[in-house]
PDB file of all heavy atoms in Angstrom:
ATOM      1  N   PHE A   1     -99.331  -6.135  43.404  1.00  0.00           N
ATOM      2  CA  PHE A   1     -97.882  -5.933  43.292  1.00  0.00           C
ATOM      3  C   PHE A   1     -97.101  -6.908  44.182  1.00  0.00           C
ATOM      4  O   PHE A   1     -96.140  -7.542  43.745  1.00  0.00           O
ATOM      5  CB  PHE A   1     -97.539  -4.482  43.653  1.00  0.00           C
ATOM      6  CG  PHE A   1     -96.067  -4.215  43.837  1.00  0.00           C
ATOM      7  CD1 PHE A   1     -95.198  -4.202  42.760  1.00  0.00           C
ATOM      8  CD2 PHE A   1     -95.569  -3.970  45.087  1.00  0.00           C
ATOM      9  CE1 PHE A   1     -93.863  -3.975  42.943  1.00  0.00           C
ATOM     10  CE2 PHE A   1     -94.207  -3.735  45.289  1.00  0.00           C
ATOM     11  CZ  PHE A   1     -93.330  -3.720  44.195  1.00  0.00           C
ATOM     12  N   VAL A   2     -97.517  -7.005  45.441  1.00  0.00           N
ATOM     13  CA  VAL A   2     -96.813  -7.847  46.407  1.00  0.00           C
ATOM     14  C   VAL A   2     -96.884  -9.331  46.007  1.00  0.00           C
ATOM     15  O   VAL A   2     -95.911 -10.065  46.127  1.00  0.00           O
ATOM     16  CB  VAL A   2     -97.369  -7.654  47.830  1.00  0.00           C
ATOM     17  CG1 VAL A   2     -96.837  -8.708  48.776  1.00  0.00           C
ATOM     18  CG2 VAL A   2     -97.027  -6.282  48.353  1.00  0.00           C
ATOM     19  N   GLU A   3     -98.035  -9.720  45.522  1.00  0.00           N
ATOM     20  CA  GLU A   3     -98.208 -11.136  45.108  1.00  0.00           C
ATOM     21  C   GLU A   3     -97.259 -11.525  43.976  1.00  0.00           C
ATOM     22  O   GLU A   3     -96.936 -12.712  43.809  1.00  0.00           O
ATOM     23  CB  GLU A   3     -99.641 -11.378  44.661  1.00  0.00           C
ATOM     24  CG  GLU A   3    -100.670 -11.386  45.838  1.00  0.00           C
ATOM     25  CD  GLU A   3    -102.089 -11.369  45.342  1.00  0.00           C
ATOM     26  OE1 GLU A   3    -102.310 -11.396  44.096  1.00  0.00           O
ATOM     27  OE2 GLU A   3    -103.019 -11.337  46.211  1.00  0.00           O
ATOM     28  N   ASN A   4     -96.810 -10.553  43.213  1.00  0.00           N
ATOM     29  CA  ASN A   4     -95.947 -10.855  42.048  1.00  0.00           C
ATOM     30  C   ASN A   4     -94.554 -10.281  42.129  1.00  0.00           C
ATOM     31  O   ASN A   4     -93.805 -10.335  41.157  1.00  0.00           O
ATOM     32  CB  ASN A   4     -96.614 -10.308  40.788  1.00  0.00           C
ATOM     33  CG  ASN A   4     -97.957 -10.990  40.489  1.00  0.00           C
ATOM     34  OD1 ASN A   4     -98.009 -12.133  40.058  1.00  0.00           O
ATOM     35  ND2 ASN A   4     -99.052 -10.304  40.771  1.00  0.00           N
ATOM     36  N   VAL A   5     -94.193  -9.749  43.342  1.00  0.00           N
ATOM     37  CA  VAL A   5     -92.907  -9.022  43.437  1.00  0.00           C
ATOM     38  C   VAL A   5     -91.689  -9.922  43.210  1.00  0.00           C
ATOM     39  O   VAL A   5     -90.682  -9.467  42.700  1.00  0.00           O
ATOM     40  CB  VAL A   5     -92.830  -8.267  44.781  1.00  0.00           C
ATOM     41  CG1 VAL A   5     -92.613  -9.264  45.911  1.00  0.00           C
ATOM     42  CG2 VAL A   5     -91.737  -7.238  44.761  1.00  0.00           C
ATOM     43  N   PHE A   6     -91.810 -11.212  43.496  1.00  0.00           N
ATOM     44  CA  PHE A   6     -90.707 -12.113  43.334  1.00  0.00           C
ATOM     45  C   PHE A   6     -90.971 -13.117  42.197  1.00  0.00           C
ATOM     46  O   PHE A   6     -90.462 -14.239  42.206  1.00  0.00           O
ATOM     47  CB  PHE A   6     -90.363 -12.831  44.613  1.00  0.00           C
ATOM     48  CG  PHE A   6     -89.960 -11.925  45.716  1.00  0.00           C
ATOM     49  CD1 PHE A   6     -90.684 -11.842  46.907  1.00  0.00           C
ATOM     50  CD2 PHE A   6     -88.872 -11.055  45.557  1.00  0.00           C
ATOM     51  CE1 PHE A   6     -90.295 -10.979  47.918  1.00  0.00           C
ATOM     52  CE2 PHE A   6     -88.492 -10.189  46.576  1.00  0.00           C
ATOM     53  CZ  PHE A   6     -89.202 -10.141  47.754  1.00  0.00           C
ATOM     54  N   SER A   7     -91.785 -12.721  41.215  1.00  0.00           N
ATOM     55  CA  SER A   7     -92.082 -13.588  40.095  1.00  0.00           C
ATOM     56  C   SER A   7     -90.811 -13.802  39.235  1.00  0.00           C
ATOM     57  O   SER A   7     -89.924 -12.947  39.235  1.00  0.00           O
ATOM     58  CB  SER A   7     -93.162 -13.008  39.218  1.00  0.00           C
ATOM     59  OG  SER A   7     -94.355 -12.829  39.933  1.00  0.00           O
ATOM     60  N   LEU A   8     -90.787 -14.881  38.525  1.00  0.00           N
ATOM     61  CA  LEU A   8     -89.712 -15.132  37.563  1.00  0.00           C
ATOM     62  C   LEU A   8     -89.759 -14.031  36.511  1.00  0.00           C
ATOM     63  O   LEU A   8     -90.810 -13.658  36.014  1.00  0.00           O
ATOM     64  CB  LEU A   8     -89.869 -16.478  36.907  1.00  0.00           C
ATOM     65  CG  LEU A   8     -89.604 -17.702  37.776  1.00  0.00           C
ATOM     66  CD1 LEU A   8     -90.006 -18.988  37.023  1.00  0.00           C
ATOM     67  CD2 LEU A   8     -88.184 -17.774  38.256  1.00  0.00           C
ATOM     68  N   PRO A   9     -88.570 -13.473  36.148  1.00  0.00           N
ATOM     69  CA  PRO A   9     -88.549 -12.331  35.205  1.00  0.00           C
ATOM     70  C   PRO A   9     -88.841 -12.771  33.764  1.00  0.00           C
ATOM     71  O   PRO A   9     -87.991 -12.651  32.862  1.00  0.00           O
ATOM     72  CB  PRO A   9     -87.135 -11.790  35.334  1.00  0.00           C
ATOM     73  CG  PRO A   9     -86.326 -12.963  35.794  1.00  0.00           C
ATOM     74  CD  PRO A   9     -87.228 -13.788  36.633  1.00  0.00           C
ATOM     75  N   VAL A  10     -90.049 -13.317  33.542  1.00  0.00           N
ATOM     76  CA  VAL A  10     -90.445 -13.716  32.217  1.00  0.00           C
ATOM     77  C   VAL A  10     -91.529 -12.764  31.772  1.00  0.00           C
ATOM     78  O   VAL A  10     -92.677 -12.813  32.237  1.00  0.00           O
ATOM     79  CB  VAL A  10     -90.987 -15.181  32.230  1.00  0.00           C
ATOM     80  CG1 VAL A  10     -91.452 -15.586  30.830  1.00  0.00           C
ATOM     81  CG2 VAL A  10     -89.914 -16.121  32.760  1.00  0.00           C
ATOM     82  N   ASP A  11     -91.194 -11.882  30.832  1.00  0.00           N
ATOM     83  CA  ASP A  11     -92.113 -10.792  30.442  1.00  0.00           C
ATOM     84  C   ASP A  11     -93.030 -11.266  29.327  1.00  0.00           C
ATOM     85  O   ASP A  11     -92.829 -10.967  28.138  1.00  0.00           O
ATOM     86  CB  ASP A  11     -91.313  -9.559  30.021  1.00  0.00           C
ATOM     87  CG  ASP A  11     -92.190  -8.349  29.901  1.00  0.00           C
ATOM     88  OD1 ASP A  11     -93.365  -8.411  30.280  1.00  0.00           O
ATOM     89  OD2 ASP A  11     -91.712  -7.306  29.402  1.00  0.00           O
ATOM     90  N   LEU A  12     -94.051 -12.027  29.697  1.00  0.00           N
ATOM     91  CA  LEU A  12     -95.043 -12.527  28.776  1.00  0.00           C
ATOM     92  C   LEU A  12     -96.417 -12.054  29.195  1.00  0.00           C
ATOM     93  O   LEU A  12     -96.662 -11.803  30.405  1.00  0.00           O
ATOM     94  CB  LEU A  12     -95.021 -14.063  28.743  1.00  0.00           C
ATOM     95  CG  LEU A  12     -93.765 -14.705  28.160  1.00  0.00           C
ATOM     96  CD1 LEU A  12     -93.833 -16.255  28.348  1.00  0.00           C
ATOM     97  CD2 LEU A  12     -93.575 -14.381  26.689  1.00  0.00           C
ATOM     98  N   PRO A  13     -97.383 -11.892  28.255  1.00  0.00           N
ATOM     99  CA  PRO A  13     -98.714 -11.511  28.643  1.00  0.00           C
ATOM    100  C   PRO A  13     -99.288 -12.473  29.690  1.00  0.00           C
ATOM    101  O   PRO A  13     -99.116 -13.681  29.600  1.00  0.00           O
ATOM    102  CB  PRO A  13     -99.512 -11.590  27.320  1.00  0.00           C
ATOM    103  CG  PRO A  13     -98.474 -11.425  26.265  1.00  0.00           C
ATOM    104  CD  PRO A  13     -97.208 -12.118  26.812  1.00  0.00           C
ATOM    105  N   PHE A  14     -99.993 -11.924  30.669  1.00  0.00           N
ATOM    106  CA  PHE A  14    -100.645 -12.655  31.740  1.00  0.00           C
ATOM    107  C   PHE A  14     -99.673 -13.333  32.718  1.00  0.00           C
ATOM    108  O   PHE A  14    -100.080 -14.063  33.599  1.00  0.00           O
ATOM    109  CB  PHE A  14    -101.617 -13.693  31.186  1.00  0.00           C
ATOM    110  CG  PHE A  14    -102.575 -13.155  30.150  1.00  0.00           C
ATOM    111  CD1 PHE A  14    -102.495 -13.509  28.841  1.00  0.00           C
ATOM    112  CD2 PHE A  14    -103.532 -12.240  30.547  1.00  0.00           C
ATOM    113  CE1 PHE A  14    -103.346 -12.958  27.886  1.00  0.00           C
ATOM    114  CE2 PHE A  14    -104.429 -11.705  29.625  1.00  0.00           C
ATOM    115  CZ  PHE A  14    -104.327 -12.057  28.281  1.00  0.00           C
ATOM    116  N   SER A  15     -98.378 -13.109  32.560  1.00  0.00           N
ATOM    117  CA  SER A  15     -97.413 -13.674  33.523  1.00  0.00           C
ATOM    118  C   SER A  15     -97.453 -12.845  34.797  1.00  0.00           C
ATOM    119  O   SER A  15     -97.887 -11.708  34.815  1.00  0.00           O
ATOM    120  CB  SER A  15     -95.994 -13.609  32.925  1.00  0.00           C
ATOM    121  OG  SER A  15     -95.556 -12.282  32.821  1.00  0.00           O
ATOM    122  N   GLY A  16     -97.036 -13.466  35.905  1.00  0.00           N
ATOM    123  CA  GLY A  16     -96.962 -12.765  37.180  1.00  0.00           C
ATOM    124  C   GLY A  16     -96.052 -11.532  37.112  1.00  0.00           C
ATOM    125  O   GLY A  16     -96.359 -10.485  37.687  1.00  0.00           O
ATOM    126  N   TYR A  17     -94.980 -11.670  36.346  1.00  0.00           N
ATOM    127  CA  TYR A  17     -94.043 -10.551  36.187  1.00  0.00           C
ATOM    128  C   TYR A  17     -94.725  -9.382  35.531  1.00  0.00           C
ATOM    129  O   TYR A  17     -94.606  -8.222  35.982  1.00  0.00           O
ATOM    130  CB  TYR A  17     -92.858 -10.996  35.368  1.00  0.00           C
ATOM    131  CG  TYR A  17     -91.781  -9.976  35.168  1.00  0.00           C
ATOM    132  CD1 TYR A  17     -90.853  -9.724  36.195  1.00  0.00           C
ATOM    133  CD2 TYR A  17     -91.666  -9.243  33.991  1.00  0.00           C
ATOM    134  CE1 TYR A  17     -89.850  -8.778  36.043  1.00  0.00           C
ATOM    135  CE2 TYR A  17     -90.646  -8.320  33.806  1.00  0.00           C
ATOM    136  CZ  TYR A  17     -89.760  -8.056  34.846  1.00  0.00           C
ATOM    137  OH  TYR A  17     -88.781  -7.115  34.683  1.00  0.00           O
ATOM    138  N   ARG A  18     -95.476  -9.635  34.432  1.00  0.00           N
ATOM    139  CA  ARG A  18     -96.175  -8.557  33.742  1.00  0.00           C
ATOM    140  C   ARG A  18     -97.253  -7.914  34.626  1.00  0.00           C
ATOM    141  O   ARG A  18     -97.409  -6.699  34.624  1.00  0.00           O
ATOM    142  CB  ARG A  18     -96.798  -9.112  32.444  1.00  0.00           C
ATOM    143  CG  ARG A  18     -97.549  -8.086  31.612  1.00  0.00           C
ATOM    144  CD  ARG A  18     -96.582  -7.119  30.885  1.00  0.00           C
ATOM    145  NE  ARG A  18     -95.828  -7.828  29.900  1.00  0.00           N
ATOM    146  CZ  ARG A  18     -96.197  -8.076  28.618  1.00  0.00           C
ATOM    147  NH1 ARG A  18     -97.399  -7.685  28.227  1.00  0.00           N
ATOM    148  NH2 ARG A  18     -95.375  -8.665  27.793  1.00  0.00           N
ATOM    149  N   LYS A  19     -97.962  -8.747  35.382  1.00  0.00           N
ATOM    150  CA  LYS A  19     -98.984  -8.225  36.290  1.00  0.00           C
ATOM    151  C   LYS A  19     -98.339  -7.347  37.357  1.00  0.00           C
ATOM    152  O   LYS A  19     -98.885  -6.303  37.739  1.00  0.00           O
ATOM    153  CB  LYS A  19     -99.746  -9.368  36.957  1.00  0.00           C
ATOM    154  CG  LYS A  19    -100.652 -10.157  36.012  1.00  0.00           C
ATOM    155  CD  LYS A  19    -101.308 -11.309  36.773  1.00  0.00           C
ATOM    156  CE  LYS A  19    -102.195 -12.144  35.827  1.00  0.00           C
ATOM    157  NZ  LYS A  19    -102.718 -13.352  36.533  1.00  0.00           N
ATOM    158  N   GLY A  20     -97.196  -7.786  37.852  1.00  0.00           N
ATOM    159  CA  GLY A  20     -96.493  -7.005  38.890  1.00  0.00           C
ATOM    160  C   GLY A  20     -96.014  -5.672  38.335  1.00  0.00           C
ATOM    161  O   GLY A  20     -96.091  -4.647  39.022  1.00  0.00           O
ATOM    162  N   ILE A  21     -95.477  -5.693  37.122  1.00  0.00           N
ATOM    163  CA  ILE A  21     -95.003  -4.464  36.471  1.00  0.00           C
ATOM    164  C   ILE A  21     -96.143  -3.455  36.320  1.00  0.00           C
ATOM    165  O   ILE A  21     -96.043  -2.290  36.625  1.00  0.00           O
ATOM    166  CB  ILE A  21     -94.365  -4.756  35.097  1.00  0.00           C
ATOM    167  CG1 ILE A  21     -93.022  -5.498  35.286  1.00  0.00           C
ATOM    168  CG2 ILE A  21     -94.167  -3.492  34.301  1.00  0.00           C
ATOM    169  CD1 ILE A  21     -91.918  -4.625  35.824  1.00  0.00           C
ATOM    170  N   ARG A  22     -97.298  -3.981  35.850  1.00  0.00           N
ATOM    171  CA  ARG A  22     -98.462  -3.118  35.631  1.00  0.00           C
ATOM    172  C   ARG A  22     -98.934  -2.537  36.971  1.00  0.00           C
ATOM    173  O   ARG A  22     -99.270  -1.351  37.076  1.00  0.00           O
ATOM    174  CB  ARG A  22     -99.578  -3.909  34.968  1.00  0.00           C
ATOM    175  CG  ARG A  22    -100.745  -3.048  34.478  1.00  0.00           C
ATOM    176  CD  ARG A  22    -101.804  -3.872  33.795  1.00  0.00           C
ATOM    177  NE  ARG A  22    -101.276  -4.653  32.671  1.00  0.00           N
ATOM    178  CZ  ARG A  22    -101.218  -5.971  32.627  1.00  0.00           C
ATOM    179  NH1 ARG A  22    -101.633  -6.683  33.648  1.00  0.00           N
ATOM    180  NH2 ARG A  22    -100.705  -6.577  31.587  1.00  0.00           N
ATOM    181  N   ALA A  23     -98.981  -3.408  37.984  1.00  0.00           N
ATOM    182  CA  ALA A  23     -99.420  -2.923  39.322  1.00  0.00           C
ATOM    183  C   ALA A  23     -98.468  -1.893  39.870  1.00  0.00           C
ATOM    184  O   ALA A  23     -98.904  -0.874  40.469  1.00  0.00           O
ATOM    185  CB  ALA A  23     -99.514  -4.114  40.295  1.00  0.00           C
ATOM    186  N   ARG A  24     -97.178  -2.083  39.674  1.00  0.00           N
ATOM    187  CA  ARG A  24     -96.191  -1.115  40.163  1.00  0.00           C
ATOM    188  C   ARG A  24     -96.365   0.208  39.500  1.00  0.00           C
ATOM    189  O   ARG A  24     -96.277   1.254  40.132  1.00  0.00           O
ATOM    190  CB  ARG A  24     -94.770  -1.647  39.931  1.00  0.00           C
ATOM    191  CG  ARG A  24     -93.688  -0.753  40.524  1.00  0.00           C
ATOM    192  CD  ARG A  24     -92.280  -1.119  40.065  1.00  0.00           C
ATOM    193  NE  ARG A  24     -92.137  -0.947  38.641  1.00  0.00           N
ATOM    194  CZ  ARG A  24     -91.027  -1.243  37.982  1.00  0.00           C
ATOM    195  NH1 ARG A  24     -90.023  -1.743  38.604  1.00  0.00           N
ATOM    196  NH2 ARG A  24     -90.968  -1.036  36.636  1.00  0.00           N
ATOM    197  N   GLU A  25     -96.621   0.215  38.183  1.00  0.00           N
ATOM    198  CA  GLU A  25     -96.778   1.458  37.449  1.00  0.00           C
ATOM    199  C   GLU A  25     -97.990   2.261  37.928  1.00  0.00           C
ATOM    200  O   GLU A  25     -97.923   3.465  38.174  1.00  0.00           O
ATOM    201  CB  GLU A  25     -96.928   1.172  35.937  1.00  0.00           C
ATOM    202  CG  GLU A  25     -95.631   0.665  35.269  1.00  0.00           C
ATOM    203  CD  GLU A  25     -95.853   0.174  33.870  1.00  0.00           C
ATOM    204  OE1 GLU A  25     -97.044   0.080  33.441  1.00  0.00           O
ATOM    205  OE2 GLU A  25     -94.855  -0.088  33.178  1.00  0.00           O
ATOM    206  N   ILE A  26     -99.114   1.523  38.168  1.00  0.00           N
ATOM    207  CA  ILE A  26    -100.302   2.176  38.687  1.00  0.00           C
ATOM    208  C   ILE A  26    -100.064   2.692  40.074  1.00  0.00           C
ATOM    209  O   ILE A  26    -100.451   3.831  40.426  1.00  0.00           O
ATOM    210  CB  ILE A  26    -101.477   1.190  38.674  1.00  0.00           C
ATOM    211  CG1 ILE A  26    -101.851   0.748  37.270  1.00  0.00           C
ATOM    212  CG2 ILE A  26    -102.713   1.796  39.360  1.00  0.00           C
ATOM    213  CD1 ILE A  26    -102.864  -0.365  37.207  1.00  0.00           C
ATOM    214  N   LEU A  27     -99.400   1.902  40.903  1.00  0.00           N
ATOM    215  CA  LEU A  27     -99.107   2.232  42.299  1.00  0.00           C
ATOM    216  C   LEU A  27     -98.234   3.488  42.365  1.00  0.00           C
ATOM    217  O   LEU A  27     -98.484   4.427  43.136  1.00  0.00           O
ATOM    218  CB  LEU A  27     -98.434   1.074  43.010  1.00  0.00           C
ATOM    219  CG  LEU A  27     -98.263   1.157  44.503  1.00  0.00           C
ATOM    220  CD1 LEU A  27     -99.612   1.272  45.197  1.00  0.00           C
ATOM    221  CD2 LEU A  27     -97.549  -0.112  45.006  1.00  0.00           C
ATOM    222  N   GLN A  28     -97.196   3.502  41.512  1.00  0.00           N
ATOM    223  CA  GLN A  28     -96.274   4.636  41.579  1.00  0.00           C
ATOM    224  C   GLN A  28     -96.914   5.947  41.091  1.00  0.00           C
ATOM    225  O   GLN A  28     -96.587   7.025  41.558  1.00  0.00           O
ATOM    226  CB  GLN A  28     -95.046   4.323  40.766  1.00  0.00           C
ATOM    227  CG  GLN A  28     -94.140   3.279  41.445  1.00  0.00           C
ATOM    228  CD  GLN A  28     -92.687   3.370  41.057  1.00  0.00           C
ATOM    229  OE1 GLN A  28     -92.346   3.943  40.026  1.00  0.00           O
ATOM    230  NE2 GLN A  28     -91.838   2.800  41.885  1.00  0.00           N
ATOM    231  N   LYS A  29     -97.869   5.862  40.206  1.00  0.00           N
ATOM    232  CA  LYS A  29     -98.639   7.050  39.781  1.00  0.00           C
ATOM    233  C   LYS A  29     -99.405   7.630  40.959  1.00  0.00           C
ATOM    234  O   LYS A  29     -99.436   8.821  41.208  1.00  0.00           O
ATOM    235  CB  LYS A  29     -99.559   6.701  38.637  1.00  0.00           C
ATOM    236  CG  LYS A  29     -98.875   6.543  37.276  1.00  0.00           C
ATOM    237  CD  LYS A  29     -99.895   6.273  36.163  1.00  0.00           C
ATOM    238  CE  LYS A  29     -99.194   6.064  34.825  1.00  0.00           C
ATOM    239  NZ  LYS A  29    -100.155   5.711  33.765  1.00  0.00           N
ATOM    240  N   GLY A  30    -100.044   6.719  41.690  1.00  0.00           N
ATOM    241  CA  GLY A  30    -100.814   7.136  42.859  1.00  0.00           C
ATOM    242  C   GLY A  30     -99.930   7.709  43.937  1.00  0.00           C
ATOM    243  O   GLY A  30    -100.264   8.719  44.568  1.00  0.00           O
ATOM    244  N   LEU A  31     -98.775   7.089  44.130  1.00  0.00           N
ATOM    245  CA  LEU A  31     -97.828   7.566  45.158  1.00  0.00           C
ATOM    246  C   LEU A  31     -97.257   8.913  44.750  1.00  0.00           C
ATOM    247  O   LEU A  31     -97.070   9.797  45.609  1.00  0.00           O
ATOM    248  CB  LEU A  31     -96.710   6.539  45.350  1.00  0.00           C
ATOM    249  CG  LEU A  31     -97.119   5.219  46.025  1.00  0.00           C
ATOM    250  CD1 LEU A  31     -95.944   4.245  46.058  1.00  0.00           C
ATOM    251  CD2 LEU A  31     -97.649   5.450  47.425  1.00  0.00           C
ATOM    252  N   GLU A  32     -96.952   9.095  43.495  1.00  0.00           N
ATOM    253  CA  GLU A  32     -96.395  10.370  43.054  1.00  0.00           C
ATOM    254  C   GLU A  32     -97.424  11.497  43.277  1.00  0.00           C
ATOM    255  O   GLU A  32     -97.051  12.596  43.752  1.00  0.00           O
ATOM    256  CB  GLU A  32     -96.040  10.315  41.553  1.00  0.00           C
ATOM    257  CG  GLU A  32     -95.430  11.625  41.075  1.00  0.00           C
ATOM    258  CD  GLU A  32     -94.848  11.533  39.665  1.00  0.00           C
ATOM    259  OE1 GLU A  32     -94.586  10.399  39.203  1.00  0.00           O
ATOM    260  OE2 GLU A  32     -94.603  12.583  39.060  1.00  0.00           O
ATOM    261  N   LYS A  33     -98.661  11.231  42.987  1.00  0.00           N
ATOM    262  CA  LYS A  33     -99.706  12.231  43.267  1.00  0.00           C
ATOM    263  C   LYS A  33     -99.755  12.593  44.737  1.00  0.00           C
ATOM    264  O   LYS A  33     -99.821  13.761  45.126  1.00  0.00           O
ATOM    265  CB  LYS A  33    -101.045  11.702  42.775  1.00  0.00           C
ATOM    266  CG  LYS A  33    -102.240  12.619  43.063  1.00  0.00           C
ATOM    267  CD  LYS A  33    -103.554  11.974  42.692  1.00  0.00           C
ATOM    268  CE  LYS A  33    -104.752  12.863  43.120  1.00  0.00           C
ATOM    269  NZ  LYS A  33    -106.050  12.183  42.870  1.00  0.00           N
ATOM    270  N   ALA A  34     -99.708  11.543  45.596  1.00  0.00           N
ATOM    271  CA  ALA A  34     -99.759  11.761  47.049  1.00  0.00           C
ATOM    272  C   ALA A  34     -98.549  12.511  47.542  1.00  0.00           C
ATOM    273  O   ALA A  34     -98.633  13.375  48.429  1.00  0.00           O
ATOM    274  CB  ALA A  34     -99.910  10.424  47.782  1.00  0.00           C
ATOM    275  N   ILE A  35     -97.409  12.213  47.002  1.00  0.00           N
ATOM    276  CA  ILE A  35     -96.116  12.873  47.414  1.00  0.00           C
ATOM    277  C   ILE A  35     -96.181  14.343  47.024  1.00  0.00           C
ATOM    278  O   ILE A  35     -95.834  15.218  47.819  1.00  0.00           O
ATOM    279  CB  ILE A  35     -94.919  12.162  46.764  1.00  0.00           C
ATOM    280  CG1 ILE A  35     -94.717  10.794  47.393  1.00  0.00           C
ATOM    281  CG2 ILE A  35     -93.656  13.005  46.987  1.00  0.00           C
ATOM    282  CD1 ILE A  35     -93.685   9.938  46.651  1.00  0.00           C
ATOM    283  N   ARG A  36     -96.656  14.615  45.805  1.00  0.00           N
ATOM    284  CA  ARG A  36     -96.711  16.038  45.365  1.00  0.00           C
ATOM    285  C   ARG A  36     -97.679  16.837  46.243  1.00  0.00           C
ATOM    286  O   ARG A  36     -97.396  17.980  46.611  1.00  0.00           O
ATOM    287  CB  ARG A  36     -97.112  16.114  43.898  1.00  0.00           C
ATOM    288  CG  ARG A  36     -96.051  15.547  42.971  1.00  0.00           C
ATOM    289  CD  ARG A  36     -96.297  15.883  41.477  1.00  0.00           C
ATOM    290  NE  ARG A  36     -95.292  15.284  40.630  1.00  0.00           N
ATOM    291  CZ  ARG A  36     -94.089  15.707  40.431  1.00  0.00           C
ATOM    292  NH1 ARG A  36     -93.660  16.817  41.062  1.00  0.00           N
ATOM    293  NH2 ARG A  36     -93.250  15.094  39.612  1.00  0.00           N
ATOM    294  N   GLU A  37     -98.823  16.239  46.581  1.00  0.00           N
ATOM    295  CA  GLU A  37     -99.791  16.912  47.430  1.00  0.00           C
ATOM    296  C   GLU A  37     -99.204  17.155  48.828  1.00  0.00           C
ATOM    297  O   GLU A  37     -99.422  18.189  49.445  1.00  0.00           O
ATOM    298  CB  GLU A  37    -101.080  16.105  47.503  1.00  0.00           C
ATOM    299  CG  GLU A  37    -101.869  16.084  46.224  1.00  0.00           C
ATOM    300  CD  GLU A  37    -103.111  15.222  46.302  1.00  0.00           C
ATOM    301  OE1 GLU A  37    -103.278  14.490  47.298  1.00  0.00           O
ATOM    302  OE2 GLU A  37    -103.904  15.223  45.319  1.00  0.00           O
ATOM    303  N   LYS A  38     -98.437  16.174  49.304  1.00  0.00           N
ATOM    304  CA  LYS A  38     -97.827  16.274  50.633  1.00  0.00           C
ATOM    305  C   LYS A  38     -96.810  17.418  50.628  1.00  0.00           C
ATOM    306  O   LYS A  38     -96.755  18.183  51.584  1.00  0.00           O
ATOM    307  CB  LYS A  38     -97.165  14.939  50.951  1.00  0.00           C
ATOM    308  CG  LYS A  38     -96.407  14.950  52.288  1.00  0.00           C
ATOM    309  CD  LYS A  38     -95.665  13.613  52.435  1.00  0.00           C
ATOM    310  CE  LYS A  38     -94.825  13.591  53.684  1.00  0.00           C
ATOM    311  NZ  LYS A  38     -95.631  13.560  54.928  1.00  0.00           N
ATOM    312  N   LEU A  39     -95.970  17.512  49.592  1.00  0.00           N
ATOM    313  CA  LEU A  39     -94.958  18.535  49.525  1.00  0.00           C
ATOM    314  C   LEU A  39     -95.586  19.923  49.433  1.00  0.00           C
ATOM    315  O   LEU A  39     -95.060  20.888  50.001  1.00  0.00           O
ATOM    316  CB  LEU A  39     -94.046  18.296  48.309  1.00  0.00           C
ATOM    317  CG  LEU A  39     -93.186  17.006  48.369  1.00  0.00           C
ATOM    318  CD1 LEU A  39     -92.401  16.824  47.086  1.00  0.00           C
ATOM    319  CD2 LEU A  39     -92.233  17.074  49.564  1.00  0.00           C
ATOM    320  N   GLN A  40     -96.725  20.020  48.761  1.00  0.00           N
ATOM    321  CA  GLN A  40     -97.391  21.322  48.643  1.00  0.00           C
ATOM    322  C   GLN A  40     -98.013  21.744  49.988  1.00  0.00           C
ATOM    323  O   GLN A  40     -98.159  22.961  50.249  1.00  0.00           O
ATOM    324  CB  GLN A  40     -98.532  21.223  47.637  1.00  0.00           C
ATOM    325  CG  GLN A  40     -97.996  21.102  46.184  1.00  0.00           C
ATOM    326  CD  GLN A  40     -99.136  20.859  45.192  1.00  0.00           C
ATOM    327  OE1 GLN A  40    -100.290  20.759  45.567  1.00  0.00           O
ATOM    328  NE2 GLN A  40     -98.750  20.709  43.908  1.00  0.00           N
ATOM    329  N   ASN A  41     -98.331  20.808  50.846  1.00  0.00           N
ATOM    330  CA  ASN A  41     -98.958  21.107  52.127  1.00  0.00           C
ATOM    331  C   ASN A  41     -98.017  20.838  53.315  1.00  0.00           C
ATOM    332  O   ASN A  41     -98.433  20.503  54.405  1.00  0.00           O
ATOM    333  CB  ASN A  41    -100.234  20.298  52.308  1.00  0.00           C
ATOM    334  CG  ASN A  41    -101.246  20.598  51.238  1.00  0.00           C
ATOM    335  OD1 ASN A  41    -101.724  21.701  51.142  1.00  0.00           O
ATOM    336  ND2 ASN A  41    -101.641  19.572  50.478  1.00  0.00           N
ATOM    337  N   ALA A  42     -96.708  20.960  53.051  1.00  0.00           N
ATOM    338  CA  ALA A  42     -95.711  20.610  54.059  1.00  0.00           C
ATOM    339  C   ALA A  42     -95.819  21.455  55.354  1.00  0.00           C
ATOM    340  O   ALA A  42     -95.483  20.998  56.419  1.00  0.00           O
ATOM    341  CB  ALA A  42     -94.286  20.768  53.469  1.00  0.00           C
ATOM    342  N   HIS A  43     -96.382  22.675  55.223  1.00  0.00           N
ATOM    343  CA  HIS A  43     -96.466  23.567  56.374  1.00  0.00           C
ATOM    344  C   HIS A  43     -97.620  23.146  57.297  1.00  0.00           C
ATOM    345  O   HIS A  43     -97.636  23.469  58.470  1.00  0.00           O
ATOM    346  CB  HIS A  43     -96.754  24.991  55.896  1.00  0.00           C
ATOM    347  CG  HIS A  43     -98.014  25.108  55.094  1.00  0.00           C
ATOM    348  ND1 HIS A  43     -98.086  24.759  53.774  1.00  0.00           N
ATOM    349  CD2 HIS A  43     -99.257  25.617  55.432  1.00  0.00           C
ATOM    350  CE1 HIS A  43     -99.324  24.976  53.305  1.00  0.00           C
ATOM    351  NE2 HIS A  43    -100.040  25.483  54.301  1.00  0.00           N
TER     352      HIS A  43
END
């Protein structure tokens, strides 16, 4: 994600932008899971 965060916004297959978008989506799924678990165990 970091390697492609400032890529040119050209949404083509195998472009840095597309790789960054895909990485962000995977990352945010993992973060959402961690956030929900954290909120459940807040005490």
